[in-house]
PDB file of all heavy atoms in Angstrom:
ATOM      1  N   ARG A   1     116.737 116.369-133.696  1.00  0.00           N
ATOM      2  CA  ARG A   1     116.351 115.441-134.780  1.00  0.00           C
ATOM      3  C   ARG A   1     115.912 114.084-134.312  1.00  0.00           C
ATOM      4  O   ARG A   1     114.931 113.499-134.805  1.00  0.00           O
ATOM      5  CB  ARG A   1     117.526 115.308-135.824  1.00  0.00           C
ATOM      6  CG  ARG A   1     117.144 114.490-136.977  1.00  0.00           C
ATOM      7  CD  ARG A   1     118.482 114.180-137.899  1.00  0.00           C
ATOM      8  NE  ARG A   1     117.958 113.580-139.171  1.00  0.00           N
ATOM      9  CZ  ARG A   1     117.580 112.410-139.425  1.00  0.00           C
ATOM     10  NH1 ARG A   1     117.448 111.544-138.274  1.00  0.00           N
ATOM     11  NH2 ARG A   1     117.200 112.003-140.660  1.00  0.00           N
ATOM     12  N   LYS A   2     116.571 113.529-133.261  1.00  0.00           N
ATOM     13  CA  LYS A   2     116.267 112.357-132.698  1.00  0.00           C
ATOM     14  C   LYS A   2     114.876 112.322-132.098  1.00  0.00           C
ATOM     15  O   LYS A   2     114.018 111.462-132.314  1.00  0.00           O
ATOM     16  CB  LYS A   2     117.303 111.947-131.596  1.00  0.00           C
ATOM     17  CG  LYS A   2     117.026 110.587-130.989  1.00  0.00           C
ATOM     18  CD  LYS A   2     118.233 110.265-130.061  1.00  0.00           C
ATOM     19  CE  LYS A   2     118.126 108.765-129.518  1.00  0.00           C
ATOM     20  NZ  LYS A   2     116.850 108.564-128.899  1.00  0.00           N
ATOM     21  N   PHE A   3     114.484 113.523-131.445  1.00  0.00           N
ATOM     22  CA  PHE A   3     113.181 113.717-130.894  1.00  0.00           C
ATOM     23  C   PHE A   3     112.126 113.587-131.885  1.00  0.00           C
ATOM     24  O   PHE A   3     111.130 112.970-131.710  1.00  0.00           O
ATOM     25  CB  PHE A   3     113.118 114.970-130.128  1.00  0.00           C
ATOM     26  CG  PHE A   3     111.849 115.258-129.477  1.00  0.00           C
ATOM     27  CD1 PHE A   3     111.628 114.669-128.123  1.00  0.00           C
ATOM     28  CD2 PHE A   3     110.882 116.062-130.004  1.00  0.00           C
ATOM     29  CE1 PHE A   3     110.419 114.947-127.521  1.00  0.00           C
ATOM     30  CE2 PHE A   3     109.587 116.258-129.284  1.00  0.00           C
ATOM     31  CZ  PHE A   3     109.470 115.717-128.115  1.00  0.00           C
ATOM     32  N   LEU A   4     112.267 114.163-133.085  1.00  0.00           N
ATOM     33  CA  LEU A   4     111.317 114.190-134.153  1.00  0.00           C
ATOM     34  C   LEU A   4     111.081 112.702-134.610  1.00  0.00           C
ATOM     35  O   LEU A   4     109.883 112.337-134.944  1.00  0.00           O
ATOM     36  CB  LEU A   4     111.729 115.046-135.361  1.00  0.00           C
ATOM     37  CG  LEU A   4     111.890 116.430-135.113  1.00  0.00           C
ATOM     38  CD1 LEU A   4     112.467 117.203-136.328  1.00  0.00           C
ATOM     39  CD2 LEU A   4     110.626 117.113-134.693  1.00  0.00           C
ATOM     40  N   VAL A   5     112.163 111.973-134.775  1.00  0.00           N
ATOM     41  CA  VAL A   5     112.033 110.521-135.180  1.00  0.00           C
ATOM     42  C   VAL A   5     111.493 109.705-134.268  1.00  0.00           C
ATOM     43  O   VAL A   5     110.469 108.996-134.436  1.00  0.00           O
ATOM     44  CB  VAL A   5     113.485 110.133-135.601  1.00  0.00           C
ATOM     45  CG1 VAL A   5     113.343 108.610-135.978  1.00  0.00           C
ATOM     46  CG2 VAL A   5     114.049 110.849-136.793  1.00  0.00           C
ATOM     47  N   ASP A   6     111.878 109.906-132.938  1.00  0.00           N
ATOM     48  CA  ASP A   6     111.335 108.953-131.820  1.00  0.00           C
ATOM     49  C   ASP A   6     109.868 109.233-131.570  1.00  0.00           C
ATOM     50  O   ASP A   6     109.118 108.296-131.321  1.00  0.00           O
ATOM     51  CB  ASP A   6     112.189 109.180-130.643  1.00  0.00           C
ATOM     52  CG  ASP A   6     113.580 108.604-130.731  1.00  0.00           C
ATOM     53  OD1 ASP A   6     113.856 107.933-131.716  1.00  0.00           O
ATOM     54  OD2 ASP A   6     114.415 109.000-129.751  1.00  0.00           O
ATOM     55  N   LYS A   7     109.549 110.433-131.661  1.00  0.00           N
ATOM     56  CA  LYS A   7     108.018 110.781-131.390  1.00  0.00           C
ATOM     57  C   LYS A   7     107.112 110.780-132.675  1.00  0.00           C
ATOM     58  O   LYS A   7     106.038 111.059-132.528  1.00  0.00           O
ATOM     59  CB  LYS A   7     107.994 112.161-130.707  1.00  0.00           C
ATOM     60  CG  LYS A   7     108.663 112.332-129.305  1.00  0.00           C
ATOM     61  CD  LYS A   7     107.736 111.800-128.239  1.00  0.00           C
ATOM     62  CE  LYS A   7     106.719 112.788-128.059  1.00  0.00           C
ATOM     63  NZ  LYS A   7     105.881 112.443-126.818  1.00  0.00           N
ATOM     64  N   GLN A   8     107.714 110.522-133.728  1.00  0.00           N
ATOM     65  CA  GLN A   8     107.017 110.423-134.947  1.00  0.00           C
ATOM     66  C   GLN A   8     106.208 111.697-135.159  1.00  0.00           C
ATOM     67  O   GLN A   8     105.118 111.812-135.545  1.00  0.00           O
ATOM     68  CB  GLN A   8     106.132 109.307-135.113  1.00  0.00           C
ATOM     69  CG  GLN A   8     106.871 107.841-134.993  1.00  0.00           C
ATOM     70  CD  GLN A   8     105.842 106.683-135.023  1.00  0.00           C
ATOM     71  OE1 GLN A   8     104.697 106.853-135.583  1.00  0.00           O
ATOM     72  NE2 GLN A   8     106.296 105.566-134.703  1.00  0.00           N
ATOM     73  N   ILE A   9     106.960 112.822-135.261  1.00  0.00           N
ATOM     74  CA  ILE A   9     106.428 114.155-135.455  1.00  0.00           C
ATOM     75  C   ILE A   9     106.204 114.613-136.775  1.00  0.00           C
ATOM     76  O   ILE A   9     105.252 115.208-137.154  1.00  0.00           O
ATOM     77  CB  ILE A   9     107.175 115.209-134.569  1.00  0.00           C
ATOM     78  CG1 ILE A   9     106.770 114.938-133.045  1.00  0.00           C
ATOM     79  CG2 ILE A   9     106.847 116.604-134.833  1.00  0.00           C
ATOM     80  CD1 ILE A   9     107.610 115.718-132.165  1.00  0.00           C
ATOM     81  N   VAL A  10     107.279 114.323-137.520  1.00  0.00           N
ATOM     82  CA  VAL A  10     107.298 114.619-138.960  1.00  0.00           C
ATOM     83  C   VAL A  10     108.392 113.900-139.752  1.00  0.00           C
ATOM     84  O   VAL A  10     109.201 113.330-139.211  1.00  0.00           O
ATOM     85  CB  VAL A  10     107.647 116.103-139.102  1.00  0.00           C
ATOM     86  CG1 VAL A  10     108.960 116.444-138.769  1.00  0.00           C
ATOM     87  CG2 VAL A  10     107.448 116.634-140.650  1.00  0.00           C
ATOM     88  N   THR A  11     108.094 113.554-141.059  1.00  0.00           N
ATOM     89  CA  THR A  11     108.997 112.844-141.761  1.00  0.00           C
ATOM     90  C   THR A  11     110.224 113.703-142.262  1.00  0.00           C
ATOM     91  O   THR A  11     109.895 114.827-142.756  1.00  0.00           O
ATOM     92  CB  THR A  11     108.459 112.191-143.062  1.00  0.00           C
ATOM     93  OG1 THR A  11     107.249 111.347-142.731  1.00  0.00           O
ATOM     94  CG2 THR A  11     109.254 111.435-143.994  1.00  0.00           C
ATOM     95  N   ILE A  12     111.309 113.198-142.047  1.00  0.00           N
ATOM     96  CA  ILE A  12     112.577 114.071-142.520  1.00  0.00           C
ATOM     97  C   ILE A  12     113.236 113.372-143.833  1.00  0.00           C
ATOM     98  O   ILE A  12     113.705 112.310-143.591  1.00  0.00           O
ATOM     99  CB  ILE A  12     113.669 114.124-141.381  1.00  0.00           C
ATOM    100  CG1 ILE A  12     112.986 114.598-140.065  1.00  0.00           C
ATOM    101  CG2 ILE A  12     114.721 115.026-141.619  1.00  0.00           C
ATOM    102  CD1 ILE A  12     113.813 114.460-138.776  1.00  0.00           C
ATOM    103  N   PRO A  13     113.090 114.100-144.943  1.00  0.00           N
ATOM    104  CA  PRO A  13     113.506 113.391-146.089  1.00  0.00           C
ATOM    105  C   PRO A  13     115.041 113.208-146.302  1.00  0.00           C
ATOM    106  O   PRO A  13     115.363 112.754-147.402  1.00  0.00           O
ATOM    107  CB  PRO A  13     112.974 114.305-147.095  1.00  0.00           C
ATOM    108  CG  PRO A  13     112.066 115.144-146.441  1.00  0.00           C
ATOM    109  CD  PRO A  13     112.543 115.235-145.138  1.00  0.00           C
ATOM    110  N   SER A  14     115.820 113.548-145.290  1.00  0.00           N
ATOM    111  CA  SER A  14     117.357 113.367-145.533  1.00  0.00           C
ATOM    112  C   SER A  14     117.933 113.179-144.191  1.00  0.00           C
ATOM    113  O   SER A  14     117.303 113.579-143.145  1.00  0.00           O
ATOM    114  CB  SER A  14     117.833 114.694-146.044  1.00  0.00           C
ATOM    115  OG  SER A  14     119.252 114.723-146.072  1.00  0.00           O
ATOM    116  N   THR A  15     119.034 112.486-144.108  1.00  0.00           N
ATOM    117  CA  THR A  15     119.857 112.187-142.945  1.00  0.00           C
ATOM    118  C   THR A  15     121.046 113.356-142.673  1.00  0.00           C
ATOM    119  O   THR A  15     121.779 113.294-141.749  1.00  0.00           O
ATOM    120  CB  THR A  15     120.439 110.859-142.969  1.00  0.00           C
ATOM    121  OG1 THR A  15     121.297 110.680-144.125  1.00  0.00           O
ATOM    122  CG2 THR A  15     119.371 109.778-142.945  1.00  0.00           C
ATOM    123  N   VAL A  16     121.221 114.135-143.817  1.00  0.00           N
ATOM    124  CA  VAL A  16     122.221 115.083-143.788  1.00  0.00           C
ATOM    125  C   VAL A  16     121.842 116.232-142.860  1.00  0.00           C
ATOM    126  O   VAL A  16     120.765 116.642-142.794  1.00  0.00           O
ATOM    127  CB  VAL A  16     122.443 115.745-145.274  1.00  0.00           C
ATOM    128  CG1 VAL A  16     123.430 116.839-145.183  1.00  0.00           C
ATOM    129  CG2 VAL A  16     122.746 114.759-146.221  1.00  0.00           C
ATOM    130  N   MET A  17     123.001 116.656-142.121  1.00  0.00           N
ATOM    131  CA  MET A  17     122.712 117.767-141.043  1.00  0.00           C
ATOM    132  C   MET A  17     123.221 119.091-141.533  1.00  0.00           C
ATOM    133  O   MET A  17     124.045 119.063-142.428  1.00  0.00           O
ATOM    134  CB  MET A  17     123.518 117.312-139.776  1.00  0.00           C
ATOM    135  CG  MET A  17     123.146 116.175-139.070  1.00  0.00           C
ATOM    136  SD  MET A  17     121.548 116.206-138.331  1.00  0.00           S
ATOM    137  CE  MET A  17     121.982 117.071-136.838  1.00  0.00           C
ATOM    138  N   PRO A  18     122.535 120.072-141.218  1.00  0.00           N
ATOM    139  CA  PRO A  18     122.920 121.512-141.732  1.00  0.00           C
ATOM    140  C   PRO A  18     124.246 121.831-140.967  1.00  0.00           C
ATOM    141  O   PRO A  18     124.584 121.303-139.896  1.00  0.00           O
ATOM    142  CB  PRO A  18     121.775 122.411-141.203  1.00  0.00           C
ATOM    143  CG  PRO A  18     121.136 121.717-140.030  1.00  0.00           C
ATOM    144  CD  PRO A  18     121.253 120.105-140.349  1.00  0.00           C
ATOM    145  N   ILE A  19     124.866 122.695-141.539  1.00  0.00           N
ATOM    146  CA  ILE A  19     126.104 123.256-141.135  1.00  0.00           C
ATOM    147  C   ILE A  19     126.012 124.591-140.472  1.00  0.00           C
ATOM    148  O   ILE A  19     125.545 125.552-141.080  1.00  0.00           O
ATOM    149  CB  ILE A  19     127.280 123.252-142.291  1.00  0.00           C
ATOM    150  CG1 ILE A  19     127.465 121.915-143.049  1.00  0.00           C
ATOM    151  CG2 ILE A  19     128.582 123.869-141.779  1.00  0.00           C
ATOM    152  CD1 ILE A  19     128.086 122.090-144.300  1.00  0.00           C
ATOM    153  N   VAL A  20     126.403 124.624-139.259  1.00  0.00           N
ATOM    154  CA  VAL A  20     126.330 125.995-138.596  1.00  0.00           C
ATOM    155  C   VAL A  20     127.445 126.775-138.914  1.00  0.00           C
ATOM    156  O   VAL A  20     128.661 126.386-138.879  1.00  0.00           O
ATOM    157  CB  VAL A  20     126.255 125.810-137.020  1.00  0.00           C
ATOM    158  CG1 VAL A  20     126.164 127.209-136.274  1.00  0.00           C
ATOM    159  CG2 VAL A  20     125.134 124.959-136.657  1.00  0.00           C
ATOM    160  N   GLN A  21     127.232 128.106-139.312  1.00  0.00           N
ATOM    161  CA  GLN A  21     128.333 129.022-139.720  1.00  0.00           C
ATOM    162  C   GLN A  21     127.926 130.412-139.325  1.00  0.00           C
ATOM    163  O   GLN A  21     126.713 130.722-139.064  1.00  0.00           O
ATOM    164  CB  GLN A  21     128.628 129.019-141.258  1.00  0.00           C
ATOM    165  CG  GLN A  21     127.529 129.442-142.104  1.00  0.00           C
ATOM    166  CD  GLN A  21     127.880 129.556-143.575  1.00  0.00           C
ATOM    167  OE1 GLN A  21     128.779 128.999-144.064  1.00  0.00           O
ATOM    168  NE2 GLN A  21     126.977 130.256-144.297  1.00  0.00           N
ATOM    169  N   GLU A  22     128.812 131.331-139.378  1.00  0.00           N
ATOM    170  CA  GLU A  22     128.615 132.671-139.105  1.00  0.00           C
ATOM    171  C   GLU A  22     127.812 133.306-140.234  1.00  0.00           C
ATOM    172  O   GLU A  22     127.937 133.036-141.427  1.00  0.00           O
ATOM    173  CB  GLU A  22     129.914 133.512-138.915  1.00  0.00           C
ATOM    174  CG  GLU A  22     129.550 135.004-138.436  1.00  0.00           C
ATOM    175  CD  GLU A  22     130.914 135.684-137.988  1.00  0.00           C
ATOM    176  OE1 GLU A  22     131.952 135.092-138.195  1.00  0.00           O
ATOM    177  OE2 GLU A  22     130.788 136.846-137.688  1.00  0.00           O
ATOM    178  N   SER A  23     126.833 134.170-139.842  1.00  0.00           N
ATOM    179  CA  SER A  23     126.001 134.836-141.026  1.00  0.00           C
ATOM    180  C   SER A  23     126.782 135.658-141.890  1.00  0.00           C
ATOM    181  O   SER A  23     127.826 136.254-141.404  1.00  0.00           O
ATOM    182  CB  SER A  23     124.990 135.763-140.274  1.00  0.00           C
ATOM    183  OG  SER A  23     124.087 135.102-139.480  1.00  0.00           O
ATOM    184  N   PRO A  24     126.485 135.577-143.165  1.00  0.00           N
ATOM    185  CA  PRO A  24     127.227 136.513-144.128  1.00  0.00           C
ATOM    186  C   PRO A  24     127.080 138.004-143.788  1.00  0.00           C
ATOM    187  O   PRO A  24     125.976 138.315-143.090  1.00  0.00           O
ATOM    188  CB  PRO A  24     126.548 136.259-145.487  1.00  0.00           C
ATOM    189  CG  PRO A  24     125.778 134.950-145.288  1.00  0.00           C
ATOM    190  CD  PRO A  24     125.455 134.755-143.914  1.00  0.00           C
ATOM    191  N   PRO A  25     128.139 138.826-144.070  1.00  0.00           N
ATOM    192  CA  PRO A  25     128.092 140.125-143.622  1.00  0.00           C
ATOM    193  C   PRO A  25     126.831 141.008-143.964  1.00  0.00           C
ATOM    194  O   PRO A  25     126.393 141.796-143.249  1.00  0.00           O
ATOM    195  CB  PRO A  25     129.356 140.786-144.213  1.00  0.00           C
ATOM    196  CG  PRO A  25     129.749 139.884-145.302  1.00  0.00           C
ATOM    197  CD  PRO A  25     129.341 138.525-144.933  1.00  0.00           C
ATOM    198  N   PHE A  26     126.264 140.667-145.203  1.00  0.00           N
ATOM    199  CA  PHE A  26     125.194 141.499-145.635  1.00  0.00           C
ATOM    200  C   PHE A  26     123.838 141.169-145.025  1.00  0.00           C
ATOM    201  O   PHE A  26     122.794 141.814-145.305  1.00  0.00           O
ATOM    202  CB  PHE A  26     125.014 141.362-147.294  1.00  0.00           C
ATOM    203  CG  PHE A  26     124.935 140.014-147.730  1.00  0.00           C
ATOM    204  CD1 PHE A  26     123.691 139.465-147.792  1.00  0.00           C
ATOM    205  CD2 PHE A  26     126.007 139.158-148.034  1.00  0.00           C
ATOM    206  CE1 PHE A  26     123.476 138.184-148.187  1.00  0.00           C
ATOM    207  CE2 PHE A  26     125.991 137.933-148.447  1.00  0.00           C
ATOM    208  CZ  PHE A  26     124.678 137.416-148.616  1.00  0.00           C
ATOM    209  N   MET A  27     123.923 140.072-144.142  1.00  0.00           N
ATOM    210  CA  MET A  27     122.777 139.693-143.468  1.00  0.00           C
ATOM    211  C   MET A  27     122.764 140.064-141.925  1.00  0.00           C
ATOM    212  O   MET A  27     121.763 139.792-141.237  1.00  0.00           O
ATOM    213  CB  MET A  27     122.561 138.218-143.590  1.00  0.00           C
ATOM    214  CG  MET A  27     122.224 137.744-144.991  1.00  0.00           C
ATOM    215  SD  MET A  27     122.394 135.910-145.094  1.00  0.00           S
ATOM    216  CE  MET A  27     120.900 135.438-144.145  1.00  0.00           C
ATOM    217  N   ARG A  28     123.867 140.694-141.585  1.00  0.00           N
ATOM    218  CA  ARG A  28     124.023 140.867-140.038  1.00  0.00           C
ATOM    219  C   ARG A  28     123.097 141.935-139.442  1.00  0.00           C
ATOM    220  O   ARG A  28     122.651 141.769-138.304  1.00  0.00           O
ATOM    221  CB  ARG A  28     125.459 141.249-139.888  1.00  0.00           C
ATOM    222  CG  ARG A  28     126.495 140.153-139.995  1.00  0.00           C
ATOM    223  CD  ARG A  28     127.824 140.722-139.695  1.00  0.00           C
ATOM    224  NE  ARG A  28     127.993 141.199-138.357  1.00  0.00           N
ATOM    225  CZ  ARG A  28     128.191 140.571-137.311  1.00  0.00           C
ATOM    226  NH1 ARG A  28     128.291 139.281-137.505  1.00  0.00           N
ATOM    227  NH2 ARG A  28     128.218 141.062-136.043  1.00  0.00           N
ATOM    228  N   ALA A  29     122.749 142.932-140.181  1.00  0.00           N
ATOM    229  CA  ALA A  29     122.046 144.025-139.683  1.00  0.00           C
ATOM    230  C   ALA A  29     120.571 143.503-139.023  1.00  0.00           C
ATOM    231  O   ALA A  29     120.081 144.237-138.217  1.00  0.00           O
ATOM    232  CB  ALA A  29     121.892 145.056-140.689  1.00  0.00           C
ATOM    233  N   PHE A  30     120.038 142.586-139.714  1.00  0.00           N
ATOM    234  CA  PHE A  30     118.540 142.385-139.383  1.00  0.00           C
ATOM    235  C   PHE A  30     118.245 140.962-138.843  1.00  0.00           C
ATOM    236  O   PHE A  30     117.093 140.726-138.506  1.00  0.00           O
ATOM    237  CB  PHE A  30     117.804 142.452-140.793  1.00  0.00           C
ATOM    238  CG  PHE A  30     117.562 143.809-141.242  1.00  0.00           C
ATOM    239  CD1 PHE A  30     117.263 144.127-142.520  1.00  0.00           C
ATOM    240  CD2 PHE A  30     117.542 144.929-140.161  1.00  0.00           C
ATOM    241  CE1 PHE A  30     117.153 145.449-142.945  1.00  0.00           C
ATOM    242  CE2 PHE A  30     117.262 146.162-140.717  1.00  0.00           C
ATOM    243  CZ  PHE A  30     117.055 146.421-142.004  1.00  0.00           C
TER     244      PHE A  30
END
């Protein structure tokens, strides 16, 4: 995220970070 801001690559409309979690079971196969 810092690289995007420092290099002015794209505007990021939020400062909230995504939460990393384990994939739900019905998505695991693919």
